[in-house]
Amino acid sequence: MPILNTIVKMDRLAWVGYVYSIRHPKTGKVVYVGQTQDIAKRIMCHINKHHNPKVEDWINKLLQKEMFPIFHIEWMGDFKLCLIKEKEFIAMYKETILNKNKGEGSKLCV
């Protein structure tokens, strides 16, 4: 029975999704909104190389000043709802974010 319980728990975890923001460490200003199923992996992707040159430059400038961006989980829930929730948060922060698609959201990101 323990193996079955572990499989069930792992299956439930596999369907959890996150909508997150990247914020300035001093001002709290939101500069990016994204979604993922693996938040730790996604943070590392942002730090090492980003698909959006503006966000990559912004993060690099912070790191050069020995500051680290804040990664804030805005929402956590059913992964199938991530795109809808991401669009809602993009709309909420559209004045300050550097997202390429300010209102369209993105494709599902693992």
Protein backbone atom coordinates (compact mmCIF):
# COMPACT_ATOMS: atom_id res chain seq x y z
CA MET A 1 0.00 0.00 0.00
CA PRO A 2 2.75 2.63 0.68
CA ILE A 3 3.86 2.47 -2.97
CA LEU A 4 0.31 3.12 -4.18
CA ASN A 5 -0.04 6.09 -1.80
CA THR A 6 3.24 7.53 -3.08
CA ILE A 7 2.11 7.20 -6.71
CA VAL A 8 -1.20 8.92 -5.95
CA LYS A 9 0.57 11.77 -4.15
CA MET A 10 3.06 12.18 -7.00
CA ASP A 11 0.23 12.25 -9.52
CA ARG A 12 -1.52 15.03 -7.59
CA LEU A 13 1.68 17.06 -7.39
CA ALA A 14 2.21 16.70 -11.14
CA TRP A 15 -0.92 18.75 -11.78
CA VAL A 16 0.02 21.72 -9.60
CA GLY A 17 0.83 24.89 -11.50
CA TYR A 18 2.19 28.25 -10.43
CA VAL A 19 1.82 31.80 -11.64
CA TYR A 20 4.74 33.86 -10.37
CA SER A 21 6.10 37.34 -10.61
CA ILE A 22 9.65 38.62 -10.64
CA ARG A 23 10.00 41.74 -8.51
CA HIS A 24 12.63 44.35 -7.77
CA PRO A 25 14.25 43.52 -4.41
CA LYS A 26 14.02 47.07 -3.04
CA THR A 27 10.88 48.54 -4.60
CA GLY A 28 8.79 45.39 -5.02
CA LYS A 29 7.91 46.55 -8.56
CA VAL A 30 6.72 43.62 -10.70
CA VAL A 31 8.80 43.31 -13.87
CA TYR A 32 7.68 39.92 -15.17
CA VAL A 33 4.78 37.50 -14.81
CA GLY A 34 5.03 33.85 -15.82
CA GLN A 35 3.66 30.40 -15.15
CA THR A 36 5.20 26.99 -14.67
CA GLN A 37 4.76 23.57 -13.21
CA ASP A 38 8.29 23.44 -11.79
CA ILE A 39 8.97 26.69 -9.94
CA ALA A 40 12.53 25.85 -8.86
CA LYS A 41 13.58 24.92 -12.39
CA ARG A 42 11.93 28.04 -13.79
CA ILE A 43 13.75 30.32 -11.33
CA MET A 44 17.08 28.80 -12.38
CA CYS A 45 16.17 29.33 -16.05
CA HIS A 46 15.56 33.02 -15.33
CA ILE A 47 18.85 33.40 -13.50
CA ASN A 48 20.95 31.52 -16.05
CA LYS A 49 19.34 32.50 -19.35
CA HIS A 50 16.01 34.07 -20.18
CA HIS A 51 14.02 33.95 -23.39
CA ASN A 52 13.19 37.65 -23.03
CA PRO A 53 16.28 39.86 -23.55
CA LYS A 54 14.75 42.77 -21.58
CA VAL A 55 14.16 40.60 -18.51
CA GLU A 56 17.58 38.98 -18.89
CA ASP A 57 19.25 42.42 -18.99
CA TRP A 58 17.24 43.58 -15.98
CA ILE A 59 18.24 40.51 -13.95
CA ASN A 60 21.89 40.82 -14.99
CA LYS A 61 21.99 44.47 -13.90
CA LEU A 62 20.62 43.48 -10.49
CA LEU A 63 23.13 40.66 -10.12
CA GLN A 64 25.99 43.03 -11.00
CA LYS A 65 24.86 45.20 -8.07
CA GLU A 66 24.86 42.08 -5.88
CA MET A 67 21.07 42.17 -5.64
CA PHE A 68 18.80 39.23 -6.35
CA PRO A 69 15.32 39.50 -7.88
CA ILE A 70 12.37 38.40 -5.78
CA PHE A 71 10.38 35.48 -7.16
CA HIS A 72 6.88 35.71 -5.74
CA ILE A 73 4.21 33.03 -6.19
CA GLU A 74 1.06 34.91 -7.13
CA TRP A 75 -1.17 31.86 -7.52
CA MET A 76 -0.93 28.08 -7.11
CA GLY A 77 -3.52 25.58 -8.26
CA ASP A 78 -4.69 23.28 -11.02
CA PHE A 79 -2.10 23.44 -13.82
CA LYS A 80 -4.87 23.54 -16.43
CA LEU A 81 -5.86 26.99 -15.14
CA CYS A 82 -2.34 28.48 -15.33
CA LEU A 83 -2.81 30.28 -18.64
CA ILE A 84 -6.04 31.90 -17.49
CA LYS A 85 -4.52 32.99 -14.18
CA GLU A 86 -1.34 34.20 -15.86
CA LYS A 87 -3.40 36.45 -18.17
CA GLU A 88 -5.19 37.89 -15.14
CA PHE A 89 -1.92 38.79 -13.42
CA ILE A 90 -0.40 40.15 -16.64
CA ALA A 91 -3.41 42.44 -16.94
CA MET A 92 -3.00 43.50 -13.31
CA TYR A 93 0.68 44.41 -13.75
CA LYS A 94 0.74 45.40 -17.44
CA GLU A 95 2.00 48.93 -16.71
CA THR A 96 5.30 47.74 -15.19
CA ILE A 97 6.10 44.36 -16.70
CA LEU A 98 8.60 43.53 -19.42
CA ASN A 99 6.66 40.55 -20.76
CA LYS A 100 6.68 40.23 -24.54
CA ASN A 101 2.95 39.40 -24.61
CA LYS A 102 1.25 41.85 -22.27
CA GLY A 103 -2.22 40.41 -22.29
CA GLU A 104 -1.94 37.27 -24.33
CA GLY A 105 -0.12 35.23 -21.72
CA SER A 106 2.18 32.48 -22.88
CA LYS A 107 2.13 28.84 -23.83
CA LEU A 108 2.09 26.32 -21.00
CA CYS A 109 5.54 26.21 -19.47
CA VAL A 110 6.82 23.27 -17.47
